[in-house]
Amino acid sequence: MFDMMKMMGKMKEVQARMKEAQDNLVKVHAQGESGAGMVKATVNGKKQLIALDIDPSLLKSDDKIILQDLIVAAVNKASEEAEILAKEELRKSTEGLLPNIPGLDLSGLMG
């Protein structure tokens, strides 16, 4: 027989673990670089840019457009990596709590 109270308890546990996992995403850091490492961007698991390192030789150049393009490329690479790491972090945090249902995508709960 279906135990509604047990199911509700399990859902509360899932919600608590998801909240904790989402809160921990700020600790997940991913780095992307462009221009052979001349521009490096670090993004957290919530896709927030937290650090940007620019090689000093680029700052002496008058080519503002190249620098802008390198920054955008590095930030995008870091964001892509952060998304992968964040999904893995959420998967680990909720492992064993929910049944493996094909087609069930909880990535929207990532925040």
C-alpha atoms as a PDB file:
ATOM      1  CA  MET A   1       0.000   0.000   0.000  1.00  0.00           C
ATOM      2  CA  PHE A   2       1.191   3.520  -0.810  1.00  0.00           C
ATOM      3  CA  ASP A   3       2.487   5.340   2.291  1.00  0.00           C
ATOM      4  CA  MET A   4       1.758   9.045   1.756  1.00  0.00           C
ATOM      5  CA  MET A   5       3.515  10.151   4.953  1.00  0.00           C
ATOM      6  CA  LYS A   6       6.673   8.303   3.980  1.00  0.00           C
ATOM      7  CA  MET A   7       6.525   9.872   0.515  1.00  0.00           C
ATOM      8  CA  MET A   8       6.097  13.370   1.982  1.00  0.00           C
ATOM      9  CA  GLY A   9       9.062  12.800   4.294  1.00  0.00           C
ATOM     10  CA  LYS A  10      11.159  11.703   1.344  1.00  0.00           C
ATOM     11  CA  MET A  11      10.167  14.810  -0.640  1.00  0.00           C
ATOM     12  CA  LYS A  12      11.145  17.066   2.278  1.00  0.00           C
ATOM     13  CA  GLU A  13      14.517  15.322   2.382  1.00  0.00           C
ATOM     14  CA  VAL A  14      14.939  15.820  -1.364  1.00  0.00           C
ATOM     15  CA  GLN A  15      14.069  19.520  -1.030  1.00  0.00           C
ATOM     16  CA  ALA A  16      16.548  19.990   1.828  1.00  0.00           C
ATOM     17  CA  ARG A  17      19.329  18.216  -0.093  1.00  0.00           C
ATOM     18  CA  MET A  18      18.600  20.230  -3.256  1.00  0.00           C
ATOM     19  CA  LYS A  19      18.727  23.506  -1.297  1.00  0.00           C
ATOM     20  CA  GLU A  20      22.013  22.494   0.294  1.00  0.00           C
ATOM     21  CA  ALA A  21      23.428  21.498  -3.105  1.00  0.00           C
ATOM     22  CA  GLN A  22      22.329  24.806  -4.645  1.00  0.00           C
ATOM     23  CA  ASP A  23      23.906  26.737  -1.782  1.00  0.00           C
ATOM     24  CA  ASN A  24      27.153  24.820  -2.312  1.00  0.00           C
ATOM     25  CA  LEU A  25      27.330  25.785  -6.000  1.00  0.00           C
ATOM     26  CA  VAL A  26      29.135  29.005  -5.075  1.00  0.00           C
ATOM     27  CA  LYS A  27      32.032  26.790  -3.951  1.00  0.00           C
ATOM     28  CA  VAL A  28      32.291  25.063  -7.347  1.00  0.00           C
ATOM     29  CA  HIS A  29      34.826  26.906  -9.495  1.00  0.00           C
ATOM     30  CA  ALA A  30      35.556  26.428 -13.178  1.00  0.00           C
ATOM     31  CA  GLN A  31      38.144  28.203 -15.284  1.00  0.00           C
ATOM     32  CA  GLY A  32      38.160  29.004 -18.981  1.00  0.00           C
ATOM     33  CA  GLU A  33      40.930  30.593 -20.965  1.00  0.00           C
ATOM     34  CA  SER A  34      41.477  32.068 -24.389  1.00  0.00           C
ATOM     35  CA  GLY A  35      44.328  33.532 -26.393  1.00  0.00           C
ATOM     36  CA  ALA A  36      46.643  30.676 -25.383  1.00  0.00           C
ATOM     37  CA  GLY A  37      46.064  31.470 -21.711  1.00  0.00           C
ATOM     38  CA  MET A  38      46.431  35.223 -22.014  1.00  0.00           C
ATOM     39  CA  VAL A  39      42.900  35.741 -20.652  1.00  0.00           C
ATOM     40  CA  LYS A  40      41.560  33.514 -17.871  1.00  0.00           C
ATOM     41  CA  ALA A  41      38.088  33.672 -16.372  1.00  0.00           C
ATOM     42  CA  THR A  42      36.847  31.870 -13.274  1.00  0.00           C
ATOM     43  CA  VAL A  43      33.118  31.227 -12.821  1.00  0.00           C
ATOM     44  CA  ASN A  44      31.310  29.588  -9.907  1.00  0.00           C
ATOM     45  CA  GLY A  45      28.594  26.945 -10.131  1.00  0.00           C
ATOM     46  CA  LYS A  46      25.944  29.662 -10.220  1.00  0.00           C
ATOM     47  CA  LYS A  47      27.566  30.999 -13.411  1.00  0.00           C
ATOM     48  CA  GLN A  48      28.833  34.160 -11.716  1.00  0.00           C
ATOM     49  CA  LEU A  49      32.155  35.573 -12.900  1.00  0.00           C
ATOM     50  CA  ILE A  50      34.366  35.654  -9.804  1.00  0.00           C
ATOM     51  CA  ALA A  51      37.828  36.310 -11.254  1.00  0.00           C
ATOM     52  CA  LEU A  52      39.368  37.616 -14.452  1.00  0.00           C
ATOM     53  CA  ASP A  53      43.094  37.508 -15.220  1.00  0.00           C
ATOM     54  CA  ILE A  54      44.479  39.404 -18.209  1.00  0.00           C
ATOM     55  CA  ASP A  55      48.087  39.076 -19.333  1.00  0.00           C
ATOM     56  CA  PRO A  56      49.735  42.503 -18.959  1.00  0.00           C
ATOM     57  CA  SER A  57      51.002  42.424 -22.546  1.00  0.00           C
ATOM     58  CA  LEU A  58      47.400  42.716 -23.743  1.00  0.00           C
ATOM     59  CA  LEU A  59      46.874  45.865 -21.744  1.00  0.00           C
ATOM     60  CA  LYS A  60      49.656  47.658 -23.616  1.00  0.00           C
ATOM     61  CA  SER A  61      48.008  46.966 -26.924  1.00  0.00           C
ATOM     62  CA  ASP A  62      45.705  49.413 -28.635  1.00  0.00           C
ATOM     63  CA  ASP A  63      43.565  46.545 -29.920  1.00  0.00           C
ATOM     64  CA  LYS A  64      40.562  46.815 -27.616  1.00  0.00           C
ATOM     65  CA  ILE A  65      38.365  44.576 -29.808  1.00  0.00           C
ATOM     66  CA  ILE A  66      40.726  41.592 -29.551  1.00  0.00           C
ATOM     67  CA  LEU A  67      40.858  41.937 -25.775  1.00  0.00           C
ATOM     68  CA  GLN A  68      37.071  42.095 -25.566  1.00  0.00           C
ATOM     69  CA  ASP A  69      36.730  38.984 -27.748  1.00  0.00           C
ATOM     70  CA  LEU A  70      39.251  37.075 -25.626  1.00  0.00           C
ATOM     71  CA  ILE A  71      37.413  38.005 -22.425  1.00  0.00           C
ATOM     72  CA  VAL A  72      34.075  36.882 -23.835  1.00  0.00           C
ATOM     73  CA  ALA A  73      35.586  33.580 -25.019  1.00  0.00           C
ATOM     74  CA  ALA A  74      37.228  32.859 -21.655  1.00  0.00           C
ATOM     75  CA  VAL A  75      34.063  33.665 -19.685  1.00  0.00           C
ATOM     76  CA  ASN A  76      31.939  31.486 -21.978  1.00  0.00           C
ATOM     77  CA  LYS A  77      34.334  28.538 -21.603  1.00  0.00           C
ATOM     78  CA  ALA A  78      34.354  28.923 -17.822  1.00  0.00           C
ATOM     79  CA  SER A  79      30.533  29.124 -17.755  1.00  0.00           C
ATOM     80  CA  GLU A  80      30.209  25.926 -19.787  1.00  0.00           C
ATOM     81  CA  GLU A  81      32.576  24.098 -17.446  1.00  0.00           C
ATOM     82  CA  ALA A  82      30.783  25.493 -14.376  1.00  0.00           C
ATOM     83  CA  GLU A  83      27.466  24.182 -15.688  1.00  0.00           C
ATOM     84  CA  ILE A  84      28.924  20.685 -16.068  1.00  0.00           C
ATOM     85  CA  LEU A  85      30.431  20.792 -12.574  1.00  0.00           C
ATOM     86  CA  ALA A  86      27.215  22.156 -11.052  1.00  0.00           C
ATOM     87  CA  LYS A  87      25.122  19.362 -12.582  1.00  0.00           C
ATOM     88  CA  GLU A  88      27.584  16.797 -11.238  1.00  0.00           C
ATOM     89  CA  GLU A  89      27.457  18.403  -7.776  1.00  0.00           C
ATOM     90  CA  LEU A  90      23.645  18.295  -7.762  1.00  0.00           C
ATOM     91  CA  ARG A  91      23.646  14.705  -9.007  1.00  0.00           C
ATOM     92  CA  LYS A  92      25.967  13.658  -6.179  1.00  0.00           C
ATOM     93  CA  SER A  93      23.921  15.530  -3.578  1.00  0.00           C
ATOM     94  CA  THR A  94      20.649  13.882  -4.541  1.00  0.00           C
ATOM     95  CA  GLU A  95      22.000  10.433  -5.396  1.00  0.00           C
ATOM     96  CA  GLY A  96      19.802   7.696  -4.003  1.00  0.00           C
ATOM     97  CA  LEU A  97      16.963  10.031  -3.057  1.00  0.00           C
ATOM     98  CA  LEU A  98      14.986   9.866  -6.264  1.00  0.00           C
ATOM     99  CA  PRO A  99      14.309   6.908  -8.513  1.00  0.00           C
ATOM    100  CA  ASN A 100      16.098   6.891 -11.842  1.00  0.00           C
ATOM    101  CA  ILE A 101      13.197   7.818 -14.088  1.00  0.00           C
ATOM    102  CA  PRO A 102      14.080   8.094 -17.772  1.00  0.00           C
ATOM    103  CA  GLY A 103      13.311  11.566 -19.052  1.00  0.00           C
ATOM    104  CA  LEU A 104      13.205  13.125 -15.573  1.00  0.00           C
ATOM    105  CA  ASP A 105      15.411  16.183 -15.812  1.00  0.00           C
ATOM    106  CA  LEU A 106      15.987  18.091 -12.577  1.00  0.00           C
ATOM    107  CA  SER A 107      18.466  20.546 -14.082  1.00  0.00           C
ATOM    108  CA  GLY A 108      15.807  23.254 -13.903  1.00  0.00           C
ATOM    109  CA  LEU A 109      16.040  23.080 -10.134  1.00  0.00           C
ATOM    110  CA  MET A 110      19.655  24.181 -10.274  1.00  0.00           C
ATOM    111  CA  GLY A 111      18.813  27.827  -9.807  1.00  0.00           C
END
